[in-house]
């Protein structure tokens, strides 16, 4: 199983300057994505290295292999948190072409909203992947990116609960996520974490055609029935970080800055 490395970066320079410097190196990321906001924060695992970083994270870079970022970029990086994960060859092979189609869909690729946002299920916290009034208002504001979003998920399973999560994943892929354009485009097994935490199990990068499609899912009764029954009871800890993929200028990738 090929290894990939996921880097969360806090930058000393502007994001356009860093992307320009990255594009001048031979490194070709699988994903380069601007960090937008936390959806779910970790409660215990890797809490301090992830949440006490100030200023917060700017960029997610996913690279094939374990060589890391070029040394020429180090002066542009204030802080870094990374994980190494084994990602199936079937995902890595042809990923850029599949991702291009997701980020730049053709007519008919993107499903419409289900209508759940007309009368959404609202919770007091998003920690169980539920829609809150604050998140709903933010998604409707100018601060929210208007194009596709990529949600970075990190997962730690309770003992003997992985099968429950796999059932949730199957339901996400076949119905509750897919009908909103949700696509778990990267899924891998965590091998190593830069902060030494050994309890993270799995990483996933989930695509949604827009933040509204994500909210349409999170605020729906059909999603929450499966989420509360299968996903929530299976997790020891988790986080979800919303990102928006950006272009390095070599080809079309994601949202422009």
Protein backbone atom coordinates (compact mmCIF):
# COMPACT_ATOMS: atom_id res chain seq x y z
CA UNK A 1 0.00 0.00 0.00
CA UNK A 2 1.62 3.34 -1.04
CA UNK A 3 2.38 5.85 1.69
CA UNK A 4 1.33 9.47 1.51
CA UNK A 5 2.03 12.37 3.86
CA UNK A 6 -0.53 14.97 4.88
CA UNK A 7 0.89 18.31 6.00
CA UNK A 8 -1.00 21.03 7.86
CA UNK A 9 0.99 24.25 7.54
CA UNK A 10 1.00 27.63 9.21
CA UNK A 11 2.83 30.06 6.95
CA UNK A 12 5.19 32.99 7.51
CA UNK A 13 4.28 34.43 4.13
CA UNK A 14 1.09 35.00 2.18
CA UNK A 15 -0.65 31.99 0.70
CA UNK A 16 -0.11 33.17 -2.92
CA UNK A 17 3.63 33.59 -2.23
CA UNK A 18 3.88 30.10 -0.76
CA UNK A 19 1.96 28.55 -3.64
CA UNK A 20 4.25 30.32 -6.10
CA UNK A 21 7.31 28.96 -4.28
CA UNK A 22 5.81 25.45 -4.16
CA UNK A 23 4.98 25.52 -7.87
CA UNK A 24 8.62 26.35 -8.67
CA UNK A 25 9.79 23.06 -7.10
CA UNK A 26 9.59 19.59 -8.67
CA UNK A 27 7.09 18.54 -5.98
CA UNK A 28 3.63 17.69 -7.33
CA UNK A 29 1.05 17.39 -4.52
CA UNK A 30 -2.00 15.20 -4.78
CA UNK A 31 -3.95 17.95 -2.98
CA UNK A 32 -3.21 21.58 -2.15
CA UNK A 33 -6.04 23.07 -0.15
CA UNK A 34 -6.63 26.32 1.75
CA UNK A 35 -7.80 25.78 5.32
CA UNK A 36 -11.17 27.43 5.90
CA UNK A 37 -12.42 26.48 9.37
CA UNK A 38 -12.90 23.73 11.91
CA UNK A 39 -16.17 21.83 11.73
CA UNK A 40 -15.32 19.34 14.52
CA UNK A 41 -12.33 19.81 16.83
CA UNK A 42 -10.46 16.93 18.52
CA UNK A 43 -11.39 16.48 22.16
CA UNK A 44 -8.29 14.68 23.45
CA UNK A 45 -5.99 13.24 20.77
CA UNK A 46 -3.45 15.73 19.33
CA UNK A 47 -5.51 18.50 20.92
CA UNK A 48 -2.69 20.89 21.80
CA UNK A 49 -0.61 20.69 18.61
CA UNK A 50 -3.71 21.09 16.46
CA UNK A 51 -5.69 23.73 18.37
CA UNK A 52 -3.15 25.91 20.16
CA UNK A 53 -1.34 26.87 16.97
CA UNK A 54 -1.43 30.67 16.58
CA UNK A 55 -1.99 31.95 13.98
CA UNK A 56 -4.10 28.98 12.86
CA UNK A 57 -3.41 26.60 9.98
CA UNK A 58 -3.29 28.04 6.48
CA UNK A 59 -2.82 25.12 4.12
CA UNK A 60 -3.24 21.37 3.70
CA UNK A 61 -0.78 19.67 1.36
CA UNK A 62 -1.03 15.96 0.59
CA UNK A 63 2.07 14.46 -1.00
CA UNK A 64 2.72 10.97 -2.36
CA UNK A 65 5.55 9.25 -0.49
CA UNK A 66 7.33 10.30 2.70
CA UNK A 67 10.09 12.60 1.43
CA UNK A 68 8.28 15.65 2.74
CA UNK A 69 8.28 19.20 1.49
CA UNK A 70 11.39 20.61 -0.23
CA UNK A 71 13.89 22.24 2.13
CA UNK A 72 13.66 25.43 0.05
CA UNK A 73 10.16 25.98 1.46
CA UNK A 74 11.15 25.83 5.13
CA UNK A 75 11.61 29.58 5.46
CA UNK A 76 7.97 30.01 4.45
CA UNK A 77 6.63 27.63 7.13
CA UNK A 78 6.01 28.77 10.71
CA UNK A 79 4.63 25.47 12.00
CA UNK A 80 3.78 22.04 10.61
CA UNK A 81 1.70 19.06 11.76
CA UNK A 82 1.70 15.94 9.63
CA UNK A 83 0.59 12.36 9.42
CA UNK A 84 1.77 9.51 7.23
CA UNK A 85 -0.93 7.19 5.93
CA UNK A 86 -1.13 4.10 3.79
CA UNK A 87 -3.53 4.84 0.94
CA UNK A 88 -4.62 2.07 -1.44
CA UNK A 89 -2.91 2.12 -4.84
CA UNK A 90 -6.35 2.16 -6.47
CA UNK A 91 -6.97 5.58 -4.91
CA UNK A 92 -3.56 7.09 -5.67
CA UNK A 93 -3.54 5.85 -9.27
CA UNK A 94 -5.47 8.27 -11.44
CA UNK A 95 -6.39 10.45 -8.46
CA UNK A 96 -5.58 13.76 -10.14
CA UNK A 97 -7.86 13.03 -13.10
CA UNK A 98 -10.75 11.95 -10.85
CA UNK A 99 -10.24 14.94 -8.60
CA UNK A 100 -10.25 17.29 -11.59
CA UNK A 101 -13.69 15.98 -12.56
CA UNK A 102 -14.97 16.47 -9.01
CA UNK A 103 -13.62 20.02 -8.72
CA UNK A 104 -14.74 21.01 -12.23
CA UNK A 105 -17.91 18.95 -12.77
CA UNK A 106 -19.68 18.60 -16.04
CA UNK A 107 -23.37 19.24 -16.55
CA UNK A 108 -25.39 16.71 -14.63
CA UNK A 109 -22.56 15.70 -12.27
CA UNK A 110 -23.77 17.71 -9.25
CA UNK A 111 -27.03 16.70 -7.57
CA UNK A 112 -29.42 19.36 -6.40
CA UNK A 113 -30.05 20.05 -2.73
CA UNK A 114 -32.52 17.70 -1.09
CA UNK A 115 -34.59 20.42 0.57
CA UNK A 116 -33.43 19.53 4.08
CA UNK A 117 -32.21 23.10 4.59
CA UNK A 118 -35.78 24.39 4.32
CA UNK A 119 -36.52 22.86 7.73
CA UNK A 120 -33.18 21.52 8.98
CA UNK A 121 -32.49 19.53 12.07
CA UNK A 122 -30.52 21.95 14.30
CA UNK A 123 -28.24 20.97 17.19
CA UNK A 124 -26.45 23.03 19.83
CA UNK A 125 -23.01 21.69 18.77
CA UNK A 126 -21.43 20.43 15.56
CA UNK A 127 -19.19 17.99 17.43
CA UNK A 128 -21.36 15.03 16.39
CA UNK A 129 -21.46 16.23 12.79
CA UNK A 130 -24.74 18.06 13.17
CA UNK A 131 -25.84 21.42 11.79
CA UNK A 132 -25.91 24.37 14.18
CA UNK A 133 -27.45 27.81 13.78
CA UNK A 134 -23.95 29.31 13.73
CA UNK A 135 -22.70 26.94 11.03
CA UNK A 136 -25.86 27.42 8.96
CA UNK A 137 -25.51 31.21 9.13
CA UNK A 138 -21.80 31.06 8.26
CA UNK A 139 -22.43 28.82 5.25
CA UNK A 140 -24.92 31.41 3.99
CA UNK A 141 -22.45 34.27 4.48
CA UNK A 142 -19.85 35.82 2.19
CA UNK A 143 -17.08 34.25 4.29
CA UNK A 144 -17.96 30.76 3.07
CA UNK A 145 -16.34 29.54 -0.16
CA UNK A 146 -18.88 29.17 -2.95
CA UNK A 147 -17.30 26.26 -4.78
CA UNK A 148 -16.40 22.71 -3.82
CA UNK A 149 -15.06 21.98 -0.36
CA UNK A 150 -12.80 19.15 0.82
CA UNK A 151 -13.27 17.99 4.42
CA UNK A 152 -10.22 16.53 6.13
CA UNK A 153 -11.37 13.82 8.57
CA UNK A 154 -9.14 12.13 11.13
CA UNK A 155 -10.62 9.18 13.02
CA UNK A 156 -9.86 7.14 16.12
CA UNK A 157 -12.14 4.16 16.68
CA UNK A 158 -13.36 2.69 19.93
CA UNK A 159 -12.40 -0.96 20.50
CA UNK A 160 -14.40 -3.32 18.29
CA UNK A 161 -16.32 -0.43 16.67
CA UNK A 162 -14.56 -0.24 13.30
CA UNK A 163 -17.26 -2.43 11.70
CA UNK A 164 -19.92 0.06 12.77
CA UNK A 165 -18.02 2.87 11.06
CA UNK A 166 -17.58 0.76 7.92
CA UNK A 167 -21.37 0.37 7.77
CA UNK A 168 -21.68 4.14 8.06
CA UNK A 169 -19.13 4.57 5.28
CA UNK A 170 -21.07 2.21 3.04
CA UNK A 171 -24.27 4.17 3.66
CA UNK A 172 -22.44 7.45 2.96
CA UNK A 173 -21.15 6.15 -0.36
CA UNK A 174 -24.43 4.62 -1.51
CA UNK A 175 -27.05 7.05 -0.24
CA UNK A 176 -26.83 9.61 2.57
CA UNK A 177 -23.66 11.29 1.29
CA UNK A 178 -23.79 10.40 -2.39
CA UNK A 179 -27.21 11.97 -2.92
CA UNK A 180 -25.63 15.30 -1.86
CA UNK A 181 -22.54 14.79 -4.03
CA UNK A 182 -20.43 13.56 -1.11
CA UNK A 183 -17.40 11.53 -2.14
CA UNK A 184 -14.73 10.08 0.15
CA UNK A 185 -12.00 10.60 -2.43
CA UNK A 186 -9.05 9.73 -0.17
CA UNK A 187 -9.20 7.10 2.58
CA UNK A 188 -6.14 5.70 4.32
CA UNK A 189 -4.76 4.00 7.41
CA UNK A 190 -2.69 6.24 9.69
CA UNK A 191 0.86 4.96 10.10
CA UNK A 192 2.58 7.79 11.95
CA UNK A 193 1.74 11.19 13.44
CA UNK A 194 4.31 13.96 13.89
CA UNK A 195 3.21 14.62 17.49
CA UNK A 196 3.77 10.97 18.44
CA UNK A 197 0.10 10.11 18.92
CA UNK A 198 -0.45 6.42 18.13
CA UNK A 199 -4.22 6.34 18.55
CA UNK A 200 -5.38 7.86 15.27
CA UNK A 201 -6.57 5.07 12.98
CA UNK A 202 -7.84 6.46 9.70
CA UNK A 203 -7.77 9.59 7.58
CA UNK A 204 -10.22 10.61 4.88
CA UNK A 205 -10.67 13.56 2.56
CA UNK A 206 -14.34 13.97 1.62
CA UNK A 207 -15.49 16.07 -1.31
CA UNK A 208 -18.74 18.05 -1.42
CA UNK A 209 -19.84 20.15 -4.42
CA UNK A 210 -20.42 23.06 -2.03
CA UNK A 211 -20.66 23.84 1.67
CA UNK A 212 -24.43 24.01 1.19
CA UNK A 213 -24.42 20.39 0.02
CA UNK A 214 -22.54 19.48 3.21
CA UNK A 215 -25.05 21.43 5.33
CA UNK A 216 -27.94 19.83 3.44
CA UNK A 217 -26.58 16.46 4.58
CA UNK A 218 -25.74 17.43 8.16
CA UNK A 219 -29.16 19.01 8.69
CA UNK A 220 -31.17 16.12 7.28
CA UNK A 221 -33.10 13.46 9.18
CA UNK A 222 -31.98 10.62 6.89
CA UNK A 223 -28.31 11.42 7.46
CA UNK A 224 -28.65 11.91 11.20
CA UNK A 225 -30.45 8.60 11.67
CA UNK A 226 -27.40 6.78 10.27
CA UNK A 227 -24.86 9.17 11.81
CA UNK A 228 -26.20 8.82 15.34
CA UNK A 229 -26.68 5.05 15.06
CA UNK A 230 -23.42 4.05 13.38
CA UNK A 231 -20.83 6.82 13.18
CA UNK A 232 -21.03 8.63 16.54
CA UNK A 233 -20.93 5.49 18.75
CA UNK A 234 -17.91 4.15 16.86
CA UNK A 235 -15.51 7.04 17.54
CA UNK A 236 -13.10 7.65 20.39
CA UNK A 237 -12.07 10.97 18.86
CA UNK A 238 -12.23 12.73 15.51
CA UNK A 239 -11.84 16.04 13.77
CA UNK A 240 -13.14 17.60 10.56
CA UNK A 241 -11.41 20.56 8.94
CA UNK A 242 -13.05 22.33 6.01
CA UNK A 243 -10.68 23.22 3.18
CA UNK A 244 -10.97 24.61 -0.34
CA UNK A 245 -8.59 23.28 -2.98
CA UNK A 246 -6.46 25.81 -4.84
CA UNK A 247 -4.45 25.89 -8.04
CA UNK A 248 -0.68 25.90 -8.28
CA UNK A 249 -0.97 27.30 -11.78
CA UNK A 250 0.34 24.12 -13.43
CA UNK A 251 -3.16 22.98 -14.26
CA UNK A 252 -6.71 23.50 -13.17
CA UNK A 253 -7.21 22.12 -9.66
CA UNK A 254 -9.67 23.94 -7.46
CA UNK A 255 -10.93 27.29 -6.33
CA UNK A 256 -8.83 30.28 -7.26
CA UNK A 257 -7.50 32.55 -4.52
